[in-house]
């Protein structure tokens, strides 16, 4: 596989899967890996869509962790969509994964309403206008709501999901009220939530959420997950959560 300038191939340490990343650009973090492990119950016949897919990390991991027949990753930035496509080819999983270079607000022709079994999404966390933004580069787009808002993501997930389809999101705890309000507004009922902490004594900095399209009212709080132990090493529970 021919690489472009400033690109490298990283081993995902799961079933020999690999991914192409730009060493100077946005690279996936632990939040994407946690989401891929949080998403459960995907069957062999399922159609899964990953919104804001970036370099395709979540579809690639899901191809090794689930039996889902078809997985589509949607990405608006051409550079990252291209890397994702080449990573799919690198892993030889093009029969299962399709990368769609498109604004997620303009998917009407590519994905029909009510046809998707599960949606995953690791969206930009920061509201447009919050934090420090110098120029609208690829990193800024990945982190700030430049091309899509939290509402855009949840609205589109609701449009494409089947009734009783599953919605999986990773986000920041401080946006939780917005997330739950928008999920209810677009008929995705929150079902499962898990807070992730850097270590014991620190505040949670990641939240994993599962919802069901047109589901009944019931919310389960899972036990918290701690990433690092007192020695700065990954915890055993993190390894167990990742299935290692």
Protein backbone atom coordinates (compact mmCIF):
# COMPACT_ATOMS: atom_id res chain seq x y z
CA UNK A 1 0.00 0.00 0.00
CA UNK A 2 1.52 3.31 -1.12
CA UNK A 3 1.49 6.02 1.52
CA UNK A 4 1.30 9.77 1.01
CA UNK A 5 3.57 12.32 2.68
CA UNK A 6 3.36 12.28 6.49
CA UNK A 7 1.30 9.08 6.57
CA UNK A 8 2.01 5.90 8.47
CA UNK A 9 0.35 2.53 9.04
CA UNK A 10 -0.61 1.75 12.65
CA UNK A 11 -1.39 -1.71 14.01
CA UNK A 12 -4.74 -1.76 15.82
CA UNK A 13 -3.71 -4.84 17.82
CA UNK A 14 -6.90 -6.67 17.00
CA UNK A 15 -7.13 -9.47 14.44
CA UNK A 16 -4.20 -7.99 12.49
CA UNK A 17 -6.26 -4.93 11.53
CA UNK A 18 -4.34 -1.80 10.53
CA UNK A 19 -5.13 1.83 9.77
CA UNK A 20 -3.50 4.63 7.78
CA UNK A 21 -3.04 7.90 9.66
CA UNK A 22 -1.47 11.28 9.03
CA UNK A 23 1.18 11.84 11.68
CA UNK A 24 0.59 15.60 11.54
CA UNK A 25 -3.20 15.46 11.39
CA UNK A 26 -6.11 14.23 13.48
CA UNK A 27 -5.57 10.68 14.75
CA UNK A 28 -8.08 8.48 16.52
CA UNK A 29 -8.09 8.38 20.32
CA UNK A 30 -9.25 6.02 23.02
CA UNK A 31 -12.81 7.38 22.75
CA UNK A 32 -13.25 5.76 19.30
CA UNK A 33 -11.86 2.45 20.58
CA UNK A 34 -14.18 2.55 23.58
CA UNK A 35 -17.20 3.21 21.36
CA UNK A 36 -16.37 0.26 19.11
CA UNK A 37 -16.33 -1.96 22.20
CA UNK A 38 -19.46 -0.40 23.71
CA UNK A 39 -21.57 -1.10 20.62
CA UNK A 40 -23.07 -4.55 21.21
CA UNK A 41 -25.54 -7.01 19.76
CA UNK A 42 -24.88 -6.49 16.04
CA UNK A 43 -26.06 -9.48 14.04
CA UNK A 44 -24.66 -11.00 10.86
CA UNK A 45 -27.43 -9.49 8.71
CA UNK A 46 -27.11 -5.97 10.14
CA UNK A 47 -26.43 -2.76 8.27
CA UNK A 48 -24.37 -0.37 10.41
CA UNK A 49 -23.58 3.29 9.67
CA UNK A 50 -20.78 5.24 11.36
CA UNK A 51 -21.29 9.00 11.11
CA UNK A 52 -18.28 11.35 11.32
CA UNK A 53 -16.08 8.34 10.59
CA UNK A 54 -12.79 10.23 10.16
CA UNK A 55 -10.14 7.74 9.04
CA UNK A 56 -12.59 4.86 9.43
CA UNK A 57 -11.35 3.61 12.79
CA UNK A 58 -14.78 2.57 14.10
CA UNK A 59 -15.95 0.68 10.96
CA UNK A 60 -12.58 -1.10 10.77
CA UNK A 61 -12.73 -2.15 14.43
CA UNK A 62 -16.39 -3.17 14.10
CA UNK A 63 -15.47 -5.40 11.17
CA UNK A 64 -13.25 -7.38 13.54
CA UNK A 65 -15.45 -7.23 16.62
CA UNK A 66 -18.90 -7.90 15.13
CA UNK A 67 -20.52 -10.02 12.45
CA UNK A 68 -22.30 -7.08 10.81
CA UNK A 69 -22.71 -7.77 7.10
CA UNK A 70 -22.36 -4.18 5.88
CA UNK A 71 -20.79 -1.13 7.52
CA UNK A 72 -20.79 2.34 5.98
CA UNK A 73 -18.59 5.16 7.21
CA UNK A 74 -19.65 8.74 6.39
CA UNK A 75 -17.01 11.48 6.30
CA UNK A 76 -17.20 15.03 4.94
CA UNK A 77 -13.44 15.70 4.72
CA UNK A 78 -11.98 14.31 1.50
CA UNK A 79 -8.52 13.72 2.97
CA UNK A 80 -9.86 11.50 5.75
CA UNK A 81 -12.37 9.72 3.54
CA UNK A 82 -9.49 8.85 1.19
CA UNK A 83 -7.38 7.51 4.06
CA UNK A 84 -10.35 5.49 5.29
CA UNK A 85 -10.92 3.94 1.85
CA UNK A 86 -7.24 3.01 1.55
CA UNK A 87 -7.28 1.50 5.05
CA UNK A 88 -10.28 -0.62 4.06
CA UNK A 89 -8.36 -1.89 1.03
CA UNK A 90 -5.25 -2.44 3.14
CA UNK A 91 -7.23 -4.76 5.41
CA UNK A 92 -9.02 -6.51 2.54
CA UNK A 93 -12.48 -5.76 3.98
CA UNK A 94 -13.95 -3.79 1.08
CA UNK A 95 -16.69 -6.42 0.78
CA UNK A 96 -18.03 -5.30 4.19
CA UNK A 97 -17.11 -1.62 4.51
CA UNK A 98 -18.06 1.31 2.27
CA UNK A 99 -16.73 4.82 2.87
CA UNK A 100 -19.09 7.61 1.79
CA UNK A 101 -17.51 11.03 1.22
CA UNK A 102 -20.51 13.21 1.95
CA UNK A 103 -22.01 15.79 4.29
CA UNK A 104 -24.13 13.75 6.71
CA UNK A 105 -26.96 16.24 6.17
CA UNK A 106 -27.10 15.25 2.47
CA UNK A 107 -27.35 11.45 2.66
CA UNK A 108 -30.89 11.11 1.29
CA UNK A 109 -29.77 9.33 -1.89
CA UNK A 110 -27.10 7.17 -0.29
CA UNK A 111 -29.05 5.91 2.74
CA UNK A 112 -32.83 5.61 2.72
CA UNK A 113 -34.93 6.34 5.83
CA UNK A 114 -35.50 3.47 8.24
CA UNK A 115 -32.99 1.07 6.67
CA UNK A 116 -30.16 0.99 9.24
CA UNK A 117 -29.91 -1.42 12.18
CA UNK A 118 -27.27 0.48 14.18
CA UNK A 119 -25.66 3.92 14.05
CA UNK A 120 -22.36 4.73 15.75
CA UNK A 121 -20.89 8.21 16.02
CA UNK A 122 -17.87 9.93 17.56
CA UNK A 123 -18.85 13.52 16.66
CA UNK A 124 -17.01 16.81 17.12
CA UNK A 125 -17.27 17.58 20.83
CA UNK A 126 -16.97 21.35 20.92
CA UNK A 127 -19.70 23.80 19.98
CA UNK A 128 -18.84 26.14 17.15
CA UNK A 129 -17.35 29.28 18.65
CA UNK A 130 -16.13 27.56 21.83
CA UNK A 131 -12.46 27.06 22.60
CA UNK A 132 -9.57 28.40 20.57
CA UNK A 133 -9.84 28.23 16.78
CA UNK A 134 -7.10 29.67 14.58
CA UNK A 135 -8.13 28.50 11.13
CA UNK A 136 -10.65 25.98 9.84
CA UNK A 137 -8.23 23.11 9.18
CA UNK A 138 -8.83 19.37 9.38
CA UNK A 139 -8.10 19.25 13.10
CA UNK A 140 -10.54 22.07 13.82
CA UNK A 141 -13.28 20.37 11.81
CA UNK A 142 -12.74 17.10 13.69
CA UNK A 143 -13.01 18.80 17.08
CA UNK A 144 -15.54 21.62 16.57
CA UNK A 145 -19.09 21.67 15.19
CA UNK A 146 -18.09 23.34 11.92
CA UNK A 147 -19.95 21.20 9.35
CA UNK A 148 -22.38 19.41 11.66
CA UNK A 149 -23.88 20.03 15.07
CA UNK A 150 -24.91 17.60 17.76
CA UNK A 151 -28.50 18.07 16.60
CA UNK A 152 -27.54 17.28 12.99
CA UNK A 153 -25.94 14.00 14.08
CA UNK A 154 -28.88 12.83 16.20
CA UNK A 155 -31.47 13.97 13.64
CA UNK A 156 -29.76 12.04 10.84
CA UNK A 157 -29.32 8.96 13.02
CA UNK A 158 -33.04 9.00 13.74
CA UNK A 159 -33.87 9.39 10.04
CA UNK A 160 -31.89 6.37 8.90
CA UNK A 161 -32.51 4.03 11.85
CA UNK A 162 -35.18 1.34 11.77
CA UNK A 163 -37.69 1.26 14.61
CA UNK A 164 -35.91 -0.43 17.54
CA UNK A 165 -32.57 0.26 15.83
CA UNK A 166 -29.62 1.08 18.09
CA UNK A 167 -27.76 4.37 18.44
CA UNK A 168 -24.26 4.47 19.99
CA UNK A 169 -22.43 7.70 20.77
CA UNK A 170 -19.28 8.75 22.59
CA UNK A 171 -19.13 12.32 23.83
CA UNK A 172 -18.19 14.55 26.75
CA UNK A 173 -20.20 14.44 30.01
CA UNK A 174 -20.74 18.21 30.01
CA UNK A 175 -22.94 17.86 26.90
CA UNK A 176 -25.12 15.16 28.45
CA UNK A 177 -28.22 17.31 28.98
CA UNK A 178 -28.09 18.48 25.35
CA UNK A 179 -27.62 14.90 24.19
CA UNK A 180 -30.57 13.46 26.11
CA UNK A 181 -32.88 16.34 25.15
CA UNK A 182 -32.05 15.94 21.46
CA UNK A 183 -32.36 12.16 21.58
CA UNK A 184 -35.86 12.46 23.03
CA UNK A 185 -36.73 15.18 20.51
CA UNK A 186 -35.81 12.85 17.63
CA UNK A 187 -37.41 9.73 19.13
CA UNK A 188 -34.23 7.95 20.24
CA UNK A 189 -34.76 6.81 23.82
CA UNK A 190 -31.61 6.67 26.02
CA UNK A 191 -31.13 3.10 27.23
CA UNK A 192 -27.59 2.63 28.52
CA UNK A 193 -24.90 4.99 29.80
CA UNK A 194 -21.32 4.46 30.95
CA UNK A 195 -18.98 7.09 32.35
CA UNK A 196 -15.25 6.79 31.69
CA UNK A 197 -12.71 8.26 34.11
CA UNK A 198 -8.98 8.85 33.47
CA UNK A 199 -8.26 7.33 36.91
CA UNK A 200 -9.70 7.02 40.42
CA UNK A 201 -10.19 10.45 41.96
CA UNK A 202 -10.50 12.24 38.62
CA UNK A 203 -13.75 13.49 37.07
CA UNK A 204 -15.27 11.62 34.14
CA UNK A 205 -14.11 12.95 30.76
CA UNK A 206 -15.90 10.51 28.41
CA UNK A 207 -19.45 9.22 28.32
CA UNK A 208 -20.76 6.30 26.24
CA UNK A 209 -24.46 6.31 25.41
CA UNK A 210 -26.78 3.79 23.78
CA UNK A 211 -30.29 4.63 22.63
CA UNK A 212 -33.14 2.87 20.81
CA UNK A 213 -35.25 4.39 18.04
CA UNK A 214 -38.85 4.60 19.29
CA UNK A 215 -37.85 2.59 22.37
CA UNK A 216 -39.61 2.44 25.72
CA UNK A 217 -38.51 4.47 28.74
CA UNK A 218 -35.72 2.76 30.69
CA UNK A 219 -32.15 3.88 31.38
CA UNK A 220 -29.41 1.63 32.76
CA UNK A 221 -26.28 3.09 34.36
CA UNK A 222 -23.34 0.73 33.86
CA UNK A 223 -20.47 0.62 36.31
CA UNK A 224 -17.80 3.27 35.60
CA UNK A 225 -14.65 2.49 33.66
CA UNK A 226 -11.22 3.69 34.81
CA UNK A 227 -8.52 3.97 32.13
CA UNK A 228 -5.33 4.25 34.21
CA UNK A 229 -4.32 2.75 37.56
CA UNK A 230 -2.29 4.48 40.29
CA UNK A 231 0.94 3.65 38.43
CA UNK A 232 -0.18 5.22 35.15
CA UNK A 233 -0.75 1.86 33.44
CA UNK A 234 -3.93 0.76 31.68
CA UNK A 235 -6.30 -0.96 34.12
CA UNK A 236 -7.27 -4.62 33.86
CA UNK A 237 -10.91 -3.55 33.51
CA UNK A 238 -9.98 -1.51 30.42
CA UNK A 239 -8.34 -4.56 28.83
CA UNK A 240 -11.42 -6.63 29.73
CA UNK A 241 -13.72 -3.99 28.23
CA UNK A 242 -11.71 -4.12 25.01
CA UNK A 243 -11.85 -7.90 24.99
CA UNK A 244 -8.08 -8.35 25.32
